[in-house]
C-alpha atoms as a PDB file:
ATOM      1  CA  MET A   1      40.626 -57.371  74.307  1.00  0.00           C
ATOM      2  CA  GLN A   2      37.609 -58.307  72.219  1.00  0.00           C
ATOM      3  CA  ALA A   3      37.934 -60.648  69.237  1.00  0.00           C
ATOM      4  CA  GLN A   4      36.080 -60.333  65.929  1.00  0.00           C
ATOM      5  CA  ALA A   5      32.934 -62.250  66.981  1.00  0.00           C
ATOM      6  CA  GLY A   6      32.697 -60.543  70.368  1.00  0.00           C
ATOM      7  CA  PHE A   7      34.729 -63.145  72.266  1.00  0.00           C
ATOM      8  CA  THR A   8      36.640 -61.454  75.092  1.00  0.00           C
ATOM      9  CA  VAL A   9      40.217 -62.390  75.957  1.00  0.00           C
ATOM     10  CA  LEU A  10      41.556 -61.588  79.410  1.00  0.00           C
ATOM     11  CA  PRO A  11      45.310 -62.299  79.456  1.00  0.00           C
ATOM     12  CA  ASN A  12      47.149 -63.413  82.584  1.00  0.00           C
ATOM     13  CA  TYR A  13      50.394 -61.764  81.457  1.00  0.00           C
ATOM     14  CA  SER A  14      51.578 -58.817  79.412  1.00  0.00           C
ATOM     15  CA  PHE A  15      54.615 -58.662  77.156  1.00  0.00           C
ATOM     16  CA  ALA A  16      56.432 -56.921  80.026  1.00  0.00           C
ATOM     17  CA  ASP A  17      55.988 -59.999  82.249  1.00  0.00           C
ATOM     18  CA  ALA A  18      57.980 -62.085  79.739  1.00  0.00           C
ATOM     19  CA  PRO A  19      56.694 -65.415  81.074  1.00  0.00           C
ATOM     20  CA  TYR A  20      58.362 -68.665  80.025  1.00  0.00           C
ATOM     21  CA  MET A  21      56.153 -70.669  77.713  1.00  0.00           C
ATOM     22  CA  ASP A  22      56.478 -73.963  75.903  1.00  0.00           C
ATOM     23  CA  ALA A  23      54.796 -72.484  72.837  1.00  0.00           C
ATOM     24  CA  PHE A  24      53.574 -69.103  71.653  1.00  0.00           C
ATOM     25  CA  LEU A  25      50.542 -69.028  69.343  1.00  0.00           C
ATOM     26  CA  ILE A  26      49.555 -66.296  66.926  1.00  0.00           C
ATOM     27  CA  PRO A  27      45.968 -66.985  65.824  1.00  0.00           C
ATOM     28  CA  GLY A  28      44.622 -65.871  62.487  1.00  0.00           C
ATOM     29  CA  GLY A  29      41.787 -63.507  61.781  1.00  0.00           C
ATOM     30  CA  PHE A  30      41.242 -59.961  60.681  1.00  0.00           C
ATOM     31  CA  GLY A  31      43.520 -58.548  63.419  1.00  0.00           C
ATOM     32  CA  THR A  32      46.532 -60.227  61.841  1.00  0.00           C
ATOM     33  CA  ARG A  33      46.718 -57.453  59.264  1.00  0.00           C
ATOM     34  CA  GLN A  34      47.547 -54.897  61.983  1.00  0.00           C
ATOM     35  CA  GLU A  35      49.741 -57.248  64.009  1.00  0.00           C
ATOM     36  CA  MET A  36      52.076 -57.774  61.040  1.00  0.00           C
ATOM     37  CA  HIS A  37      53.342 -54.247  61.785  1.00  0.00           C
ATOM     38  CA  ASN A  38      53.232 -54.373  65.610  1.00  0.00           C
ATOM     39  CA  ARG A  39      56.855 -53.729  66.681  1.00  0.00           C
ATOM     40  CA  LEU A  40      56.018 -54.529  70.327  1.00  0.00           C
ATOM     41  CA  LEU A  41      54.775 -57.969  69.277  1.00  0.00           C
ATOM     42  CA  HIS A  42      57.803 -58.501  67.015  1.00  0.00           C
ATOM     43  CA  ASP A  43      60.191 -57.568  69.826  1.00  0.00           C
ATOM     44  CA  PHE A  44      58.375 -59.924  72.182  1.00  0.00           C
ATOM     45  CA  VAL A  45      58.519 -62.820  69.713  1.00  0.00           C
ATOM     46  CA  ARG A  46      62.240 -62.232  69.216  1.00  0.00           C
ATOM     47  CA  SER A  47      62.742 -62.310  72.998  1.00  0.00           C
ATOM     48  CA  ILE A  48      61.034 -65.685  73.468  1.00  0.00           C
ATOM     49  CA  SER A  49      63.275 -68.505  74.671  1.00  0.00           C
ATOM     50  CA  GLU A  50      64.987 -70.581  71.990  1.00  0.00           C
ATOM     51  CA  THR A  51      63.332 -73.636  73.518  1.00  0.00           C
ATOM     52  CA  SER A  52      59.809 -72.239  73.030  1.00  0.00           C
ATOM     53  CA  LEU A  53      57.897 -73.159  69.893  1.00  0.00           C
ATOM     54  CA  LEU A  54      56.458 -70.447  67.662  1.00  0.00           C
ATOM     55  CA  THR A  55      53.082 -71.600  66.351  1.00  0.00           C
ATOM     56  CA  SER A  56      50.411 -70.003  64.211  1.00  0.00           C
ATOM     57  CA  VAL A  57      47.000 -70.805  62.828  1.00  0.00           C
ATOM     58  CA  CYS A  58      45.797 -69.487  59.492  1.00  0.00           C
ATOM     59  CA  THR A  59      46.862 -65.884  58.821  1.00  0.00           C
ATOM     60  CA  GLY A  60      48.866 -65.811  62.054  1.00  0.00           C
ATOM     61  CA  SER A  61      51.780 -67.038  59.930  1.00  0.00           C
ATOM     62  CA  TRP A  62      51.775 -63.647  58.202  1.00  0.00           C
ATOM     63  CA  VAL A  63      53.301 -62.124  61.350  1.00  0.00           C
ATOM     64  CA  TYR A  64      56.180 -64.639  61.381  1.00  0.00           C
ATOM     65  CA  GLY A  65      56.569 -64.138  57.631  1.00  0.00           C
ATOM     66  CA  LYS A  66      56.731 -60.349  57.974  1.00  0.00           C
ATOM     67  CA  MET A  67      59.405 -60.799  60.668  1.00  0.00           C
ATOM     68  CA  GLY A  68      61.511 -62.980  58.351  1.00  0.00           C
ATOM     69  CA  LEU A  69      61.150 -65.983  60.659  1.00  0.00           C
ATOM     70  CA  LEU A  70      59.849 -68.182  57.818  1.00  0.00           C
ATOM     71  CA  ASP A  71      62.777 -67.475  55.478  1.00  0.00           C
ATOM     72  CA  GLY A  72      64.096 -70.772  54.125  1.00  0.00           C
ATOM     73  CA  LEU A  73      61.423 -72.752  55.980  1.00  0.00           C
ATOM     74  CA  PRO A  74      58.280 -74.494  54.798  1.00  0.00           C
ATOM     75  CA  ALA A  75      55.063 -72.816  55.991  1.00  0.00           C
ATOM     76  CA  THR A  76      51.363 -72.964  55.237  1.00  0.00           C
ATOM     77  CA  ASN A  77      48.206 -70.899  55.400  1.00  0.00           C
ATOM     78  CA  ARG A  78      44.520 -71.110  54.522  1.00  0.00           C
ATOM     79  CA  LYS A  79      43.931 -72.268  50.962  1.00  0.00           C
ATOM     80  CA  GLU A  80      40.222 -71.468  50.531  1.00  0.00           C
ATOM     81  CA  PRO A  81      39.083 -67.866  49.988  1.00  0.00           C
ATOM     82  CA  ASP A  82      36.399 -66.116  52.020  1.00  0.00           C
ATOM     83  CA  ASN A  83      33.843 -63.918  50.223  1.00  0.00           C
ATOM     84  CA  VAL A  84      36.143 -60.875  50.066  1.00  0.00           C
ATOM     85  CA  GLU A  85      39.106 -62.954  48.912  1.00  0.00           C
ATOM     86  CA  LYS A  86      36.968 -64.418  46.098  1.00  0.00           C
ATOM     87  CA  SER A  87      36.433 -60.941  44.644  1.00  0.00           C
ATOM     88  CA  PRO A  88      38.567 -59.760  41.699  1.00  0.00           C
ATOM     89  CA  SER A  89      40.750 -57.645  44.005  1.00  0.00           C
ATOM     90  CA  GLY A  90      41.012 -60.365  46.674  1.00  0.00           C
ATOM     91  CA  LYS A  91      43.792 -62.836  47.342  1.00  0.00           C
ATOM     92  CA  VAL A  92      43.749 -66.250  49.018  1.00  0.00           C
ATOM     93  CA  PRO A  93      45.767 -66.183  52.294  1.00  0.00           C
ATOM     94  CA  ILE A  94      48.335 -68.791  51.154  1.00  0.00           C
ATOM     95  CA  ASP A  95      49.103 -66.630  48.101  1.00  0.00           C
ATOM     96  CA  ARG A  96      49.406 -63.547  50.320  1.00  0.00           C
ATOM     97  CA  LEU A  97      51.815 -65.488  52.574  1.00  0.00           C
ATOM     98  CA  ALA A  98      53.978 -66.120  49.487  1.00  0.00           C
ATOM     99  CA  GLU A  99      54.098 -62.337  48.932  1.00  0.00           C
ATOM    100  CA  ILE A 100      54.744 -61.477  52.586  1.00  0.00           C
ATOM    101  CA  ALA A 101      57.432 -64.163  52.998  1.00  0.00           C
ATOM    102  CA  PRO A 102      58.996 -64.646  49.542  1.00  0.00           C
ATOM    103  CA  GLU A 103      61.886 -66.651  51.033  1.00  0.00           C
ATOM    104  CA  ALA A 104      59.525 -69.192  52.665  1.00  0.00           C
ATOM    105  CA  GLN A 105      58.798 -72.537  51.031  1.00  0.00           C
ATOM    106  CA  ILE A 106      55.012 -72.445  50.684  1.00  0.00           C
ATOM    107  CA  SER A 107      53.390 -75.781  51.483  1.00  0.00           C
ATOM    108  CA  ARG A 108      49.802 -76.858  50.915  1.00  0.00           C
ATOM    109  CA  ALA A 109      49.932 -79.245  53.897  1.00  0.00           C
ATOM    110  CA  ARG A 110      47.415 -78.650  56.665  1.00  0.00           C
ATOM    111  CA  VAL A 111      50.173 -78.494  59.323  1.00  0.00           C
ATOM    112  CA  VAL A 112      53.847 -77.717  58.694  1.00  0.00           C
ATOM    113  CA  ASP A 113      56.426 -78.465  61.399  1.00  0.00           C
ATOM    114  CA  ALA A 114      59.671 -76.657  60.622  1.00  0.00           C
ATOM    115  CA  GLY A 115      61.248 -77.337  64.019  1.00  0.00           C
ATOM    116  CA  LYS A 116      60.882 -74.218  66.135  1.00  0.00           C
ATOM    117  CA  VAL A 117      58.106 -72.814  63.903  1.00  0.00           C
ATOM    118  CA  ILE A 118      54.876 -74.728  63.294  1.00  0.00           C
ATOM    119  CA  THR A 119      52.185 -73.297  61.022  1.00  0.00           C
ATOM    120  CA  ALA A 120      48.653 -74.569  60.445  1.00  0.00           C
ATOM    121  CA  GLY A 121      46.578 -73.779  57.350  1.00  0.00           C
ATOM    122  CA  GLY A 122      42.995 -72.742  58.000  1.00  0.00           C
ATOM    123  CA  ILE A 123      40.957 -72.049  61.095  1.00  0.00           C
ATOM    124  CA  ALA A 124      40.038 -75.658  61.918  1.00  0.00           C
ATOM    125  CA  SER A 125      43.580 -76.838  61.176  1.00  0.00           C
ATOM    126  CA  GLY A 126      44.479 -75.532  64.621  1.00  0.00           C
ATOM    127  CA  MET A 127      42.918 -78.794  65.832  1.00  0.00           C
ATOM    128  CA  GLU A 128      45.345 -80.826  63.726  1.00  0.00           C
ATOM    129  CA  MET A 129      48.220 -78.696  64.970  1.00  0.00           C
ATOM    130  CA  GLY A 130      47.128 -79.475  68.540  1.00  0.00           C
ATOM    131  CA  PHE A 131      47.109 -83.201  67.776  1.00  0.00           C
ATOM    132  CA  HIS A 132      50.529 -82.846  66.126  1.00  0.00           C
ATOM    133  CA  LEU A 133      51.868 -81.074  69.211  1.00  0.00           C
ATOM    134  CA  LEU A 134      50.608 -83.960  71.366  1.00  0.00           C
ATOM    135  CA  ARG A 135      52.375 -86.400  69.035  1.00  0.00           C
ATOM    136  CA  ARG A 136      55.535 -84.295  69.139  1.00  0.00           C
ATOM    137  CA  ALA A 137      55.368 -84.242  72.965  1.00  0.00           C
ATOM    138  CA  GLY A 138      55.469 -88.043  72.942  1.00  0.00           C
ATOM    139  CA  TYR A 139      51.829 -89.020  73.285  1.00  0.00           C
ATOM    140  CA  ASP A 140      50.914 -92.212  71.427  1.00  0.00           C
ATOM    141  CA  GLU A 141      48.306 -92.601  68.711  1.00  0.00           C
ATOM    142  CA  GLU A 142      45.888 -94.367  71.040  1.00  0.00           C
ATOM    143  CA  PHE A 143      45.850 -91.375  73.404  1.00  0.00           C
ATOM    144  CA  ILE A 144      45.505 -88.826  70.586  1.00  0.00           C
ATOM    145  CA  SER A 145      42.699 -90.800  68.936  1.00  0.00           C
ATOM    146  CA  GLU A 146      40.895 -90.904  72.281  1.00  0.00           C
ATOM    147  CA  VAL A 147      41.227 -87.133  72.627  1.00  0.00           C
ATOM    148  CA  ALA A 148      39.770 -86.721  69.117  1.00  0.00           C
ATOM    149  CA  ARG A 149      36.925 -89.127  69.949  1.00  0.00           C
ATOM    150  CA  THR A 150      36.077 -87.305  73.179  1.00  0.00           C
ATOM    151  CA  MET A 151      35.967 -84.032  71.240  1.00  0.00           C
ATOM    152  CA  GLU A 152      33.657 -85.664  68.662  1.00  0.00           C
ATOM    153  CA  TYR A 153      36.361 -85.010  66.065  1.00  0.00           C
ATOM    154  CA  SER A 154      37.249 -88.597  65.107  1.00  0.00           C
ATOM    155  CA  LYS A 155      36.144 -88.447  61.455  1.00  0.00           C
ATOM    156  CA  ALA A 156      38.011 -85.201  60.789  1.00  0.00           C
ATOM    157  CA  TYR A 157      41.046 -86.506  62.668  1.00  0.00           C
ATOM    158  CA  GLU A 158      41.105 -89.630  60.499  1.00  0.00           C
ATOM    159  CA  ALA A 159      40.775 -87.512  57.353  1.00  0.00           C
ATOM    160  CA  TYR A 160      43.558 -85.074  58.250  1.00  0.00           C
ATOM    161  CA  ARG A 161      45.895 -87.064  60.523  1.00  0.00           C
ATOM    162  CA  ASP A 162      48.596 -87.472  57.877  1.00  0.00           C
ATOM    163  CA  ASP A 163      48.331 -84.028  56.276  1.00  0.00           C
ATOM    164  CA  VAL A 164      51.460 -82.864  58.099  1.00  0.00           C
ATOM    165  CA  GLU A 165      54.755 -81.827  56.541  1.00  0.00           C
ATOM    166  CA  THR A 166      57.753 -82.099  58.833  1.00  0.00           C
ATOM    167  CA  LEU A 167      61.146 -80.626  58.036  1.00  0.00           C
ATOM    168  CA  GLU A 168      63.763 -83.338  58.432  1.00  0.00           C
ATOM    169  CA  ALA A 169      65.551 -83.151  61.788  1.00  0.00           C
ATOM    170  CA  SER A 170      68.930 -82.769  60.052  1.00  0.00           C
ATOM    171  CA  SER A 171      67.599 -79.604  58.355  1.00  0.00           C
ATOM    172  CA  ILE A 172      66.343 -77.996  61.570  1.00  0.00           C
END
């Protein structure tokens, strides 16, 4: 499969393999518009183990929203428009998420952890979601800060570290 900018993805598994995974990620991008209606993908997501996390970056949350998996849960999406979305007929992705998933609680946080489902706002917010997943897996702040430093991401990490909304455990 070739992504929008020519990046090629060679998967190790197909949906038919049904591998166990700790987390399943739906990335954002132009392809999300088609994947919202991909019944094979929807069936696969519904078959994923209850212990696996469902994660998304940017417009990837549209797929979970279309499936009804965000109903009653907080979720986020990109808040800044691209050039097409700035046009009179355009719509910012977070506003489109509100249309696609009217039962979701739209959040402007960069990362939203609703238990099994974790959504991240814009493209770069996938980094913050990764740091949040490390935190959730039990890694301490010293380790996570060192990862951010090694990635030359320290300033952004400091700026966005606390821009996470977490659904209370009793609500999950």
